[in-house]
């Protein structure tokens, strides 16, 4: 899981470095829904929704980044499959490619990770597909999705999506038509623990934004996050003498993250972000933290997005949160 999001953070930086060499019209954003059937007897159907960012490299080849949410409906309350206990709810995060073999017909392939709730945990994910993409923005495809951690979590689904050129998202420059004004952002961030959806999380942060170009901003942020539940955690340790023993502790409830990062605007409002820093927690715990994000910043200052906070410490819970914020200009 950590390697995937570190890769995403590096990808954000690489996109930033190449931003001036890209043609804005080659970026596309799509919203899709998919419905399918499970290939195992433990589940019946699967239903999901996603958002996809697509970059056209050539006339025939495109790269994709996709994330969303999928739910597998259990069959007969898991009759004969009592080991599962709960439905499969998962957040897939994937990188992939599309290759157009004709004007509309394409072959696709994606790989990444699925972050599932409750006992399911994190799984490697791969997904081949074949589809038709039309000039009016409609994208229809048939895909096979395999969450490899368990043989029951696989499905064949039909995906219907609508995509549009990223520049159609709004009619203004995000950075203020060349403005280098500093911005101060304030947000609240409700969310859930990535390992247990019944543990709610509430946070807030203050972020300073410094435009580096029309579509890149440097960020410095600090905030506060509260986890409403803590968990008893046991793990093995080996001391300097080679003795093994079990350490028992509980996860912390309060964290102050301090981070720096970059925000890349792929369109006038749509952005990808990456941050890294230190989380200062109660009980004198500190942890490295990194945060990939995506969202929309509107002309009126409203900022709505989704972010994932990953802490390297076992005692600080990872969080998937919605970001609801507002930006103020400081150099008027």
C-alpha atoms as a PDB file:
ATOM      1  CA  UNK A   1       0.000   0.000   0.000  1.00  0.00           C
ATOM      2  CA  UNK A   2       2.764   2.422   0.926  1.00  0.00           C
ATOM      3  CA  UNK A   3       4.703   1.741  -2.257  1.00  0.00           C
ATOM      4  CA  UNK A   4       1.652   2.472  -4.391  1.00  0.00           C
ATOM      5  CA  UNK A   5       0.991   5.862  -2.858  1.00  0.00           C
ATOM      6  CA  UNK A   6       4.664   6.785  -2.861  1.00  0.00           C
ATOM      7  CA  UNK A   7       4.594   5.997  -6.579  1.00  0.00           C
ATOM      8  CA  UNK A   8       1.557   8.249  -6.953  1.00  0.00           C
ATOM      9  CA  UNK A   9       3.343  11.064  -5.128  1.00  0.00           C
ATOM     10  CA  UNK A  10       6.366  10.671  -7.415  1.00  0.00           C
ATOM     11  CA  UNK A  11       4.038  10.627 -10.427  1.00  0.00           C
ATOM     12  CA  UNK A  12       2.554  13.946  -9.305  1.00  0.00           C
ATOM     13  CA  UNK A  13       6.022  15.482  -9.158  1.00  0.00           C
ATOM     14  CA  UNK A  14       6.931  14.120 -12.590  1.00  0.00           C
ATOM     15  CA  UNK A  15       3.716  15.538 -14.022  1.00  0.00           C
ATOM     16  CA  UNK A  16       4.630  18.895 -12.514  1.00  0.00           C
ATOM     17  CA  UNK A  17       8.048  18.826 -14.153  1.00  0.00           C
ATOM     18  CA  UNK A  18       6.483  18.049 -17.509  1.00  0.00           C
ATOM     19  CA  UNK A  19       3.473  20.348 -17.166  1.00  0.00           C
ATOM     20  CA  UNK A  20       4.698  23.059 -19.515  1.00  0.00           C
ATOM     21  CA  UNK A  21       5.414  20.504 -22.217  1.00  0.00           C
ATOM     22  CA  UNK A  22       1.881  19.123 -22.205  1.00  0.00           C
ATOM     23  CA  UNK A  23      -1.013  20.248 -24.366  1.00  0.00           C
ATOM     24  CA  UNK A  24      -3.975  20.996 -22.039  1.00  0.00           C
ATOM     25  CA  UNK A  25      -6.546  19.636 -24.490  1.00  0.00           C
ATOM     26  CA  UNK A  26      -4.975  16.157 -24.240  1.00  0.00           C
ATOM     27  CA  UNK A  27      -6.180  15.759 -20.653  1.00  0.00           C
ATOM     28  CA  UNK A  28      -9.625  14.277 -20.096  1.00  0.00           C
ATOM     29  CA  UNK A  29     -11.732  13.641 -16.994  1.00  0.00           C
ATOM     30  CA  UNK A  30     -14.427  10.962 -16.919  1.00  0.00           C
ATOM     31  CA  UNK A  31     -17.097   9.847 -14.462  1.00  0.00           C
ATOM     32  CA  UNK A  32     -18.368   6.284 -14.703  1.00  0.00           C
ATOM     33  CA  UNK A  33     -20.650   3.680 -13.175  1.00  0.00           C
ATOM     34  CA  UNK A  34     -20.209  -0.063 -13.534  1.00  0.00           C
ATOM     35  CA  UNK A  35     -22.414  -3.054 -12.835  1.00  0.00           C
ATOM     36  CA  UNK A  36     -21.321  -6.656 -13.008  1.00  0.00           C
ATOM     37  CA  UNK A  37     -21.531 -10.199 -11.757  1.00  0.00           C
ATOM     38  CA  UNK A  38     -19.184 -11.993  -9.408  1.00  0.00           C
ATOM     39  CA  UNK A  39     -17.265 -14.993 -10.681  1.00  0.00           C
ATOM     40  CA  UNK A  40     -17.627 -16.783  -7.304  1.00  0.00           C
ATOM     41  CA  UNK A  41     -20.577 -18.255  -5.410  1.00  0.00           C
ATOM     42  CA  UNK A  42     -19.949 -16.069  -2.347  1.00  0.00           C
ATOM     43  CA  UNK A  43     -21.204 -12.904  -4.080  1.00  0.00           C
ATOM     44  CA  UNK A  44     -23.945 -12.182  -6.609  1.00  0.00           C
ATOM     45  CA  UNK A  45     -23.448  -8.734  -8.099  1.00  0.00           C
ATOM     46  CA  UNK A  46     -20.991  -5.855  -7.992  1.00  0.00           C
ATOM     47  CA  UNK A  47     -21.844  -2.174  -8.350  1.00  0.00           C
ATOM     48  CA  UNK A  48     -19.423   0.735  -8.422  1.00  0.00           C
ATOM     49  CA  UNK A  49     -18.626   4.284  -9.494  1.00  0.00           C
ATOM     50  CA  UNK A  50     -15.354   5.949 -10.408  1.00  0.00           C
ATOM     51  CA  UNK A  51     -13.547   9.056 -11.580  1.00  0.00           C
ATOM     52  CA  UNK A  52     -10.822   8.707 -14.210  1.00  0.00           C
ATOM     53  CA  UNK A  53      -8.143  11.132 -15.378  1.00  0.00           C
ATOM     54  CA  UNK A  54      -6.818  10.348 -18.857  1.00  0.00           C
ATOM     55  CA  UNK A  55      -3.733  11.721 -20.617  1.00  0.00           C
ATOM     56  CA  UNK A  56      -3.460  11.189 -24.380  1.00  0.00           C
ATOM     57  CA  UNK A  57       0.176  10.502 -25.300  1.00  0.00           C
ATOM     58  CA  UNK A  58      -0.401   9.792 -28.993  1.00  0.00           C
ATOM     59  CA  UNK A  59      -3.373   9.318 -31.289  1.00  0.00           C
ATOM     60  CA  UNK A  60      -3.524   5.656 -30.257  1.00  0.00           C
ATOM     61  CA  UNK A  61      -2.101   5.513 -26.711  1.00  0.00           C
ATOM     62  CA  UNK A  62      -3.421   7.056 -23.476  1.00  0.00           C
ATOM     63  CA  UNK A  63      -2.513   6.730 -19.804  1.00  0.00           C
ATOM     64  CA  UNK A  64      -5.137   6.615 -17.039  1.00  0.00           C
ATOM     65  CA  UNK A  65      -5.467   7.131 -13.289  1.00  0.00           C
ATOM     66  CA  UNK A  66      -8.703   5.775 -11.791  1.00  0.00           C
ATOM     67  CA  UNK A  67     -10.207   5.661  -8.321  1.00  0.00           C
ATOM     68  CA  UNK A  68     -13.715   5.113  -6.976  1.00  0.00           C
ATOM     69  CA  UNK A  69     -15.791   2.755  -4.849  1.00  0.00           C
ATOM     70  CA  UNK A  70     -17.183  -0.755  -5.450  1.00  0.00           C
ATOM     71  CA  UNK A  71     -19.598  -2.916  -3.467  1.00  0.00           C
ATOM     72  CA  UNK A  72     -19.999  -6.686  -3.822  1.00  0.00           C
ATOM     73  CA  UNK A  73     -23.453  -7.978  -2.813  1.00  0.00           C
ATOM     74  CA  UNK A  74     -23.235 -11.200  -0.802  1.00  0.00           C
ATOM     75  CA  UNK A  75     -25.211 -14.260  -1.874  1.00  0.00           C
ATOM     76  CA  UNK A  76     -27.666 -15.812   0.623  1.00  0.00           C
ATOM     77  CA  UNK A  77     -25.917 -14.103   3.548  1.00  0.00           C
ATOM     78  CA  UNK A  78     -22.715 -16.028   2.785  1.00  0.00           C
ATOM     79  CA  UNK A  79     -24.297 -19.460   3.008  1.00  0.00           C
ATOM     80  CA  UNK A  80     -21.407 -21.957   2.999  1.00  0.00           C
ATOM     81  CA  UNK A  81     -18.955 -19.010   3.196  1.00  0.00           C
ATOM     82  CA  UNK A  82     -19.121 -18.080   6.886  1.00  0.00           C
ATOM     83  CA  UNK A  83     -15.433 -17.139   6.888  1.00  0.00           C
ATOM     84  CA  UNK A  84     -16.201 -13.856   5.120  1.00  0.00           C
ATOM     85  CA  UNK A  85     -18.664 -12.294   7.556  1.00  0.00           C
ATOM     86  CA  UNK A  86     -19.153  -8.931   5.798  1.00  0.00           C
ATOM     87  CA  UNK A  87     -19.768  -7.622   2.262  1.00  0.00           C
ATOM     88  CA  UNK A  88     -16.801  -6.558   0.165  1.00  0.00           C
ATOM     89  CA  UNK A  89     -16.550  -2.756   0.055  1.00  0.00           C
ATOM     90  CA  UNK A  90     -13.414  -1.538  -1.657  1.00  0.00           C
ATOM     91  CA  UNK A  91     -11.727   1.632  -2.915  1.00  0.00           C
ATOM     92  CA  UNK A  92      -9.681   0.794  -6.033  1.00  0.00           C
ATOM     93  CA  UNK A  93      -6.718   2.978  -7.021  1.00  0.00           C
ATOM     94  CA  UNK A  94      -5.285   2.120 -10.440  1.00  0.00           C
ATOM     95  CA  UNK A  95      -2.849   3.268 -13.109  1.00  0.00           C
ATOM     96  CA  UNK A  96      -3.322   2.005 -16.643  1.00  0.00           C
ATOM     97  CA  UNK A  97      -3.156   2.424 -20.398  1.00  0.00           C
ATOM     98  CA  UNK A  98      -5.618   2.501 -23.291  1.00  0.00           C
ATOM     99  CA  UNK A  99      -4.561   1.471 -26.784  1.00  0.00           C
ATOM    100  CA  UNK A 100      -6.911   2.404 -29.629  1.00  0.00           C
ATOM    101  CA  UNK A 101      -6.858  -0.269 -32.321  1.00  0.00           C
ATOM    102  CA  UNK A 102      -9.448   1.654 -34.373  1.00  0.00           C
ATOM    103  CA  UNK A 103     -11.115   5.074 -34.271  1.00  0.00           C
ATOM    104  CA  UNK A 104     -13.372   4.119 -31.358  1.00  0.00           C
ATOM    105  CA  UNK A 105     -12.299   0.635 -30.279  1.00  0.00           C
ATOM    106  CA  UNK A 106      -9.661   0.305 -27.561  1.00  0.00           C
ATOM    107  CA  UNK A 107      -7.977  -2.299 -25.389  1.00  0.00           C
ATOM    108  CA  UNK A 108      -7.186  -1.334 -21.814  1.00  0.00           C
ATOM    109  CA  UNK A 109      -5.170  -2.575 -18.886  1.00  0.00           C
ATOM    110  CA  UNK A 110      -4.959  -1.294 -15.307  1.00  0.00           C
ATOM    111  CA  UNK A 111      -3.157  -2.345 -12.131  1.00  0.00           C
ATOM    112  CA  UNK A 112      -3.025  -1.000  -8.608  1.00  0.00           C
ATOM    113  CA  UNK A 113      -4.436  -1.701  -5.170  1.00  0.00           C
ATOM    114  CA  UNK A 114      -7.860  -2.187  -3.632  1.00  0.00           C
ATOM    115  CA  UNK A 115      -8.321  -0.758  -0.130  1.00  0.00           C
ATOM    116  CA  UNK A 116     -11.139  -2.783   1.419  1.00  0.00           C
ATOM    117  CA  UNK A 117     -12.916  -2.282   4.723  1.00  0.00           C
ATOM    118  CA  UNK A 118     -13.241  -4.467   7.807  1.00  0.00           C
ATOM    119  CA  UNK A 119     -11.474  -7.849   7.649  1.00  0.00           C
ATOM    120  CA  UNK A 120     -10.733  -7.779   3.910  1.00  0.00           C
ATOM    121  CA  UNK A 121      -7.623  -5.588   4.007  1.00  0.00           C
ATOM    122  CA  UNK A 122      -5.567  -4.391   1.033  1.00  0.00           C
ATOM    123  CA  UNK A 123      -5.181  -6.348  -2.195  1.00  0.00           C
ATOM    124  CA  UNK A 124      -3.269  -6.115  -5.455  1.00  0.00           C
ATOM    125  CA  UNK A 125      -5.674  -5.390  -8.308  1.00  0.00           C
ATOM    126  CA  UNK A 126      -5.476  -5.868 -12.073  1.00  0.00           C
ATOM    127  CA  UNK A 127      -8.132  -5.211 -14.696  1.00  0.00           C
ATOM    128  CA  UNK A 128      -8.075  -5.800 -18.487  1.00  0.00           C
ATOM    129  CA  UNK A 129     -10.851  -4.258 -20.588  1.00  0.00           C
ATOM    130  CA  UNK A 130     -12.175  -3.696 -24.101  1.00  0.00           C
ATOM    131  CA  UNK A 131     -14.336  -0.718 -24.981  1.00  0.00           C
ATOM    132  CA  UNK A 132     -15.693   1.928 -27.310  1.00  0.00           C
ATOM    133  CA  UNK A 133     -14.989   5.649 -26.810  1.00  0.00           C
ATOM    134  CA  UNK A 134     -17.104   8.072 -28.841  1.00  0.00           C
ATOM    135  CA  UNK A 135     -16.465  11.688 -29.825  1.00  0.00           C
ATOM    136  CA  UNK A 136     -19.491  12.866 -27.818  1.00  0.00           C
ATOM    137  CA  UNK A 137     -17.744  11.750 -24.603  1.00  0.00           C
ATOM    138  CA  UNK A 138     -19.537   8.445 -24.003  1.00  0.00           C
ATOM    139  CA  UNK A 139     -17.267   5.534 -23.063  1.00  0.00           C
ATOM    140  CA  UNK A 140     -18.680   1.994 -22.940  1.00  0.00           C
ATOM    141  CA  UNK A 141     -16.461  -0.913 -21.889  1.00  0.00           C
ATOM    142  CA  UNK A 142     -16.451  -4.490 -20.638  1.00  0.00           C
ATOM    143  CA  UNK A 143     -13.869  -5.248 -17.945  1.00  0.00           C
ATOM    144  CA  UNK A 144     -12.626  -8.051 -15.730  1.00  0.00           C
ATOM    145  CA  UNK A 145     -11.482  -6.982 -12.268  1.00  0.00           C
ATOM    146  CA  UNK A 146      -9.429  -9.247 -10.015  1.00  0.00           C
ATOM    147  CA  UNK A 147      -8.654  -8.387  -6.390  1.00  0.00           C
ATOM    148  CA  UNK A 148      -6.069 -11.108  -5.925  1.00  0.00           C
ATOM    149  CA  UNK A 149      -6.036 -11.385  -2.116  1.00  0.00           C
ATOM    150  CA  UNK A 150      -9.126 -13.631  -2.148  1.00  0.00           C
ATOM    151  CA  UNK A 151     -10.458 -15.881  -4.891  1.00  0.00           C
ATOM    152  CA  UNK A 152     -14.024 -14.666  -4.225  1.00  0.00           C
ATOM    153  CA  UNK A 153     -13.387 -10.978  -5.017  1.00  0.00           C
ATOM    154  CA  UNK A 154     -13.417 -11.011  -8.808  1.00  0.00           C
ATOM    155  CA  UNK A 155     -16.064  -9.741 -11.205  1.00  0.00           C
ATOM    156  CA  UNK A 156     -16.958  -9.088 -14.835  1.00  0.00           C
ATOM    157  CA  UNK A 157     -18.618  -5.699 -15.286  1.00  0.00           C
ATOM    158  CA  UNK A 158     -20.017  -3.290 -17.847  1.00  0.00           C
ATOM    159  CA  UNK A 159     -18.789   0.304 -17.385  1.00  0.00           C
ATOM    160  CA  UNK A 160     -20.667   3.330 -18.737  1.00  0.00           C
ATOM    161  CA  UNK A 161     -18.886   6.667 -18.465  1.00  0.00           C
ATOM    162  CA  UNK A 162     -18.934  10.210 -19.739  1.00  0.00           C
ATOM    163  CA  UNK A 163     -15.696  12.097 -20.302  1.00  0.00           C
ATOM    164  CA  UNK A 164     -14.767  15.594 -21.402  1.00  0.00           C
ATOM    165  CA  UNK A 165     -11.704  17.676 -22.088  1.00  0.00           C
ATOM    166  CA  UNK A 166     -10.300  18.996 -18.832  1.00  0.00           C
ATOM    167  CA  UNK A 167     -10.481  22.633 -19.967  1.00  0.00           C
ATOM    168  CA  UNK A 168     -14.281  22.385 -20.043  1.00  0.00           C
ATOM    169  CA  UNK A 169     -14.428  22.109 -16.259  1.00  0.00           C
ATOM    170  CA  UNK A 170     -14.395  25.902 -15.817  1.00  0.00           C
ATOM    171  CA  UNK A 171     -13.766  29.147 -17.651  1.00  0.00           C
ATOM    172  CA  UNK A 172     -10.961  30.664 -15.597  1.00  0.00           C
ATOM    173  CA  UNK A 173      -7.302  30.110 -14.754  1.00  0.00           C
ATOM    174  CA  UNK A 174      -6.825  28.518 -11.360  1.00  0.00           C
ATOM    175  CA  UNK A 175      -3.748  30.531 -10.549  1.00  0.00           C
ATOM    176  CA  UNK A 176      -5.616  33.742 -11.221  1.00  0.00           C
ATOM    177  CA  UNK A 177      -4.671  34.511 -14.834  1.00  0.00           C
ATOM    178  CA  UNK A 178      -0.981  34.583 -14.022  1.00  0.00           C
ATOM    179  CA  UNK A 179      -1.399  35.996 -10.498  1.00  0.00           C
ATOM    180  CA  UNK A 180       1.303  35.078  -7.989  1.00  0.00           C
ATOM    181  CA  UNK A 181      -0.845  35.977  -4.968  1.00  0.00           C
ATOM    182  CA  UNK A 182      -0.414  33.859  -1.876  1.00  0.00           C
ATOM    183  CA  UNK A 183      -3.549  32.011  -0.788  1.00  0.00           C
ATOM    184  CA  UNK A 184      -4.618  30.801   2.638  1.00  0.00           C
ATOM    185  CA  UNK A 185      -6.873  27.753   2.692  1.00  0.00           C
ATOM    186  CA  UNK A 186      -8.949  26.505   5.618  1.00  0.00           C
ATOM    187  CA  UNK A 187     -10.725  23.148   5.504  1.00  0.00           C
ATOM    188  CA  UNK A 188     -12.560  20.533   7.533  1.00  0.00           C
ATOM    189  CA  UNK A 189     -11.929  16.887   6.696  1.00  0.00           C
ATOM    190  CA  UNK A 190     -14.475  14.251   7.779  1.00  0.00           C
ATOM    191  CA  UNK A 191     -13.479  10.681   6.985  1.00  0.00           C
ATOM    192  CA  UNK A 192     -13.058   7.064   8.021  1.00  0.00           C
ATOM    193  CA  UNK A 193     -10.257   4.745   9.038  1.00  0.00           C
ATOM    194  CA  UNK A 194      -9.157   2.844   5.916  1.00  0.00           C
ATOM    195  CA  UNK A 195      -9.151  -0.467   7.833  1.00  0.00           C
ATOM    196  CA  UNK A 196     -12.501  -0.038   9.599  1.00  0.00           C
ATOM    197  CA  UNK A 197     -15.307   2.051   8.116  1.00  0.00           C
ATOM    198  CA  UNK A 198     -17.133   2.250  11.471  1.00  0.00           C
ATOM    199  CA  UNK A 199     -14.338   4.379  12.961  1.00  0.00           C
ATOM    200  CA  UNK A 200     -15.102   7.965  12.010  1.00  0.00           C
ATOM    201  CA  UNK A 201     -12.413  10.618  11.780  1.00  0.00           C
ATOM    202  CA  UNK A 202     -12.693  14.401  11.865  1.00  0.00           C
ATOM    203  CA  UNK A 203      -9.898  16.810  11.076  1.00  0.00           C
ATOM    204  CA  UNK A 204      -9.112  20.302   9.937  1.00  0.00           C
ATOM    205  CA  UNK A 205      -6.140  22.082   8.447  1.00  0.00           C
ATOM    206  CA  UNK A 206      -4.719  25.432   7.417  1.00  0.00           C
ATOM    207  CA  UNK A 207      -2.709  25.546   4.184  1.00  0.00           C
ATOM    208  CA  UNK A 208      -0.574  28.258   2.588  1.00  0.00           C
ATOM    209  CA  UNK A 209      -0.496  28.119  -1.240  1.00  0.00           C
ATOM    210  CA  UNK A 210       2.296  29.730  -3.277  1.00  0.00           C
ATOM    211  CA  UNK A 211       1.747  29.693  -7.085  1.00  0.00           C
ATOM    212  CA  UNK A 212       4.855  28.582  -8.976  1.00  0.00           C
ATOM    213  CA  UNK A 213       3.218  28.804 -12.418  1.00  0.00           C
ATOM    214  CA  UNK A 214      -0.273  28.964 -13.927  1.00  0.00           C
ATOM    215  CA  UNK A 215      -0.956  25.337 -13.005  1.00  0.00           C
ATOM    216  CA  UNK A 216       1.415  24.481 -10.127  1.00  0.00           C
ATOM    217  CA  UNK A 217       1.269  25.528  -6.476  1.00  0.00           C
ATOM    218  CA  UNK A 218       3.626  24.837  -3.583  1.00  0.00           C
ATOM    219  CA  UNK A 219       1.844  24.068  -0.296  1.00  0.00           C
ATOM    220  CA  UNK A 220       2.667  24.184   3.417  1.00  0.00           C
ATOM    221  CA  UNK A 221       0.011  22.857   5.789  1.00  0.00           C
ATOM    222  CA  UNK A 222      -0.647  22.093   9.441  1.00  0.00           C
ATOM    223  CA  UNK A 223      -3.752  20.705  11.058  1.00  0.00           C
ATOM    224  CA  UNK A 224      -5.389  18.493  13.634  1.00  0.00           C
ATOM    225  CA  UNK A 225      -7.019  15.070  13.245  1.00  0.00           C
ATOM    226  CA  UNK A 226      -9.122  13.186  15.798  1.00  0.00           C
ATOM    227  CA  UNK A 227      -9.934   9.457  15.580  1.00  0.00           C
ATOM    228  CA  UNK A 228     -13.093   8.663  17.531  1.00  0.00           C
ATOM    229  CA  UNK A 229     -11.989   5.104  18.361  1.00  0.00           C
ATOM    230  CA  UNK A 230      -8.685   3.571  19.357  1.00  0.00           C
ATOM    231  CA  UNK A 231      -7.669  -0.054  18.873  1.00  0.00           C
ATOM    232  CA  UNK A 232      -5.553  -2.438  20.902  1.00  0.00           C
ATOM    233  CA  UNK A 233      -2.508  -3.318  18.833  1.00  0.00           C
ATOM    234  CA  UNK A 234      -0.054  -6.197  19.336  1.00  0.00           C
ATOM    235  CA  UNK A 235       3.110  -6.777  17.343  1.00  0.00           C
ATOM    236  CA  UNK A 236       6.366  -8.668  17.697  1.00  0.00           C
ATOM    237  CA  UNK A 237       9.722  -7.015  18.404  1.00  0.00           C
ATOM    238  CA  UNK A 238      13.301  -8.245  18.580  1.00  0.00           C
ATOM    239  CA  UNK A 239      15.745  -6.580  20.973  1.00  0.00           C
ATOM    240  CA  UNK A 240      19.493  -6.063  20.489  1.00  0.00           C
ATOM    241  CA  UNK A 241      20.240  -9.443  22.067  1.00  0.00           C
ATOM    242  CA  UNK A 242      17.998 -11.257  19.603  1.00  0.00           C
ATOM    243  CA  UNK A 243      15.190 -11.935  22.071  1.00  0.00           C
ATOM    244  CA  UNK A 244      11.655 -11.878  20.683  1.00  0.00           C
ATOM    245  CA  UNK A 245       8.724 -10.483  22.617  1.00  0.00           C
ATOM    246  CA  UNK A 246       5.227  -9.114  22.063  1.00  0.00           C
ATOM    247  CA  UNK A 247       4.547  -5.411  22.471  1.00  0.00           C
ATOM    248  CA  UNK A 248       0.981  -4.390  23.332  1.00  0.00           C
ATOM    249  CA  UNK A 249      -0.259  -0.857  22.808  1.00  0.00           C
ATOM    250  CA  UNK A 250      -3.303   1.090  21.661  1.00  0.00           C
ATOM    251  CA  UNK A 251      -3.580   3.385  18.670  1.00  0.00           C
ATOM    252  CA  UNK A 252      -3.580   7.121  19.322  1.00  0.00           C
ATOM    253  CA  UNK A 253      -6.628   9.328  18.836  1.00  0.00           C
ATOM    254  CA  UNK A 254      -5.098  12.759  18.166  1.00  0.00           C
ATOM    255  CA  UNK A 255      -2.536  13.773  15.530  1.00  0.00           C
ATOM    256  CA  UNK A 256      -1.080  17.099  14.355  1.00  0.00           C
ATOM    257  CA  UNK A 257       0.209  16.650  10.765  1.00  0.00           C
ATOM    258  CA  UNK A 258       2.690  19.185   9.335  1.00  0.00           C
ATOM    259  CA  UNK A 259       3.367  18.775   5.602  1.00  0.00           C
ATOM    260  CA  UNK A 260       4.772  20.367   2.451  1.00  0.00           C
ATOM    261  CA  UNK A 261       3.706  19.448  -1.051  1.00  0.00           C
ATOM    262  CA  UNK A 262       2.727  20.331  -4.595  1.00  0.00           C
ATOM    263  CA  UNK A 263      -0.632  20.774  -6.287  1.00  0.00           C
ATOM    264  CA  UNK A 264      -0.880  20.287 -10.057  1.00  0.00           C
ATOM    265  CA  UNK A 265      -3.924  21.683 -11.893  1.00  0.00           C
ATOM    266  CA  UNK A 266      -4.777  19.539 -14.904  1.00  0.00           C
ATOM    267  CA  UNK A 267      -7.570  21.969 -15.756  1.00  0.00           C
ATOM    268  CA  UNK A 268      -8.920  25.287 -14.550  1.00  0.00           C
ATOM    269  CA  UNK A 269     -10.465  23.630 -11.492  1.00  0.00           C
ATOM    270  CA  UNK A 270      -9.392  19.967 -11.318  1.00  0.00           C
ATOM    271  CA  UNK A 271      -6.169  19.155  -9.456  1.00  0.00           C
ATOM    272  CA  UNK A 272      -3.932  16.330  -8.238  1.00  0.00           C
ATOM    273  CA  UNK A 273      -1.901  16.865  -5.085  1.00  0.00           C
ATOM    274  CA  UNK A 274       0.866  15.236  -3.101  1.00  0.00           C
ATOM    275  CA  UNK A 275       2.172  16.110   0.369  1.00  0.00           C
ATOM    276  CA  UNK A 276       4.675  14.631   2.812  1.00  0.00           C
ATOM    277  CA  UNK A 277       5.738  15.501   6.337  1.00  0.00           C
ATOM    278  CA  UNK A 278       5.530  14.537   9.998  1.00  0.00           C
ATOM    279  CA  UNK A 279       2.564  13.651  12.191  1.00  0.00           C
ATOM    280  CA  UNK A 280       2.930  14.590  15.874  1.00  0.00           C
ATOM    281  CA  UNK A 281       0.644  12.365  17.948  1.00  0.00           C
ATOM    282  CA  UNK A 282      -0.246  11.935  21.593  1.00  0.00           C
ATOM    283  CA  UNK A 283       1.853   9.613  23.788  1.00  0.00           C
ATOM    284  CA  UNK A 284       4.957  11.203  22.201  1.00  0.00           C
ATOM    285  CA  UNK A 285       4.480   9.303  18.964  1.00  0.00           C
ATOM    286  CA  UNK A 286       5.744  10.832  15.720  1.00  0.00           C
ATOM    287  CA  UNK A 287       5.371   9.403  12.242  1.00  0.00           C
ATOM    288  CA  UNK A 288       6.205  10.075   8.620  1.00  0.00           C
ATOM    289  CA  UNK A 289       3.002  10.877   6.707  1.00  0.00           C
ATOM    290  CA  UNK A 290       2.254  11.261   3.010  1.00  0.00           C
ATOM    291  CA  UNK A 291      -1.016  12.398   1.443  1.00  0.00           C
ATOM    292  CA  UNK A 292      -2.118  12.008  -2.198  1.00  0.00           C
ATOM    293  CA  UNK A 293      -5.265  13.936  -3.099  1.00  0.00           C
ATOM    294  CA  UNK A 294      -7.524  15.037  -5.929  1.00  0.00           C
ATOM    295  CA  UNK A 295     -10.328  17.549  -6.141  1.00  0.00           C
ATOM    296  CA  UNK A 296     -11.808  20.736  -7.550  1.00  0.00           C
ATOM    297  CA  UNK A 297     -10.983  24.336  -6.609  1.00  0.00           C
ATOM    298  CA  UNK A 298     -13.667  26.696  -7.887  1.00  0.00           C
ATOM    299  CA  UNK A 299     -13.301  30.343  -8.892  1.00  0.00           C
ATOM    300  CA  UNK A 300     -15.231  31.506  -5.817  1.00  0.00           C
ATOM    301  CA  UNK A 301     -12.612  29.928  -3.512  1.00  0.00           C
ATOM    302  CA  UNK A 302     -14.444  26.718  -2.607  1.00  0.00           C
ATOM    303  CA  UNK A 303     -12.203  23.629  -2.541  1.00  0.00           C
ATOM    304  CA  UNK A 304     -13.754  20.130  -2.564  1.00  0.00           C
ATOM    305  CA  UNK A 305     -11.653  16.985  -2.782  1.00  0.00           C
ATOM    306  CA  UNK A 306     -10.671  13.571  -1.469  1.00  0.00           C
ATOM    307  CA  UNK A 307      -7.406  12.757   0.314  1.00  0.00           C
ATOM    308  CA  UNK A 308      -5.675   9.766   1.853  1.00  0.00           C
ATOM    309  CA  UNK A 309      -3.360  10.152   4.875  1.00  0.00           C
ATOM    310  CA  UNK A 310      -0.904   7.288   5.322  1.00  0.00           C
ATOM    311  CA  UNK A 311       1.170   7.161   8.525  1.00  0.00           C
ATOM    312  CA  UNK A 312       4.244   4.957   8.817  1.00  0.00           C
ATOM    313  CA  UNK A 313       3.628   4.333  12.533  1.00  0.00           C
ATOM    314  CA  UNK A 314       1.516   1.316  13.493  1.00  0.00           C
ATOM    315  CA  UNK A 315      -0.092   3.377  16.239  1.00  0.00           C
ATOM    316  CA  UNK A 316      -1.596   6.065  13.984  1.00  0.00           C
ATOM    317  CA  UNK A 317      -4.565   5.054  11.857  1.00  0.00           C
ATOM    318  CA  UNK A 318      -4.601   5.793   8.127  1.00  0.00           C
ATOM    319  CA  UNK A 319      -7.501   7.987   7.023  1.00  0.00           C
ATOM    320  CA  UNK A 320      -9.576   8.448   3.866  1.00  0.00           C
ATOM    321  CA  UNK A 321     -11.249  11.869   4.056  1.00  0.00           C
ATOM    322  CA  UNK A 322     -13.347  14.372   2.163  1.00  0.00           C
ATOM    323  CA  UNK A 323     -11.813  17.856   2.043  1.00  0.00           C
ATOM    324  CA  UNK A 324     -14.228  20.807   2.314  1.00  0.00           C
ATOM    325  CA  UNK A 325     -12.324  24.074   2.195  1.00  0.00           C
ATOM    326  CA  UNK A 326     -12.195  27.734   1.237  1.00  0.00           C
ATOM    327  CA  UNK A 327      -9.308  29.864  -0.132  1.00  0.00           C
ATOM    328  CA  UNK A 328      -8.517  33.496   0.737  1.00  0.00           C
ATOM    329  CA  UNK A 329      -6.231  35.781  -1.310  1.00  0.00           C
ATOM    330  CA  UNK A 330      -3.513  37.327   0.877  1.00  0.00           C
ATOM    331  CA  UNK A 331      -1.837  39.844  -1.477  1.00  0.00           C
ATOM    332  CA  UNK A 332      -4.724  42.017  -2.575  1.00  0.00           C
END
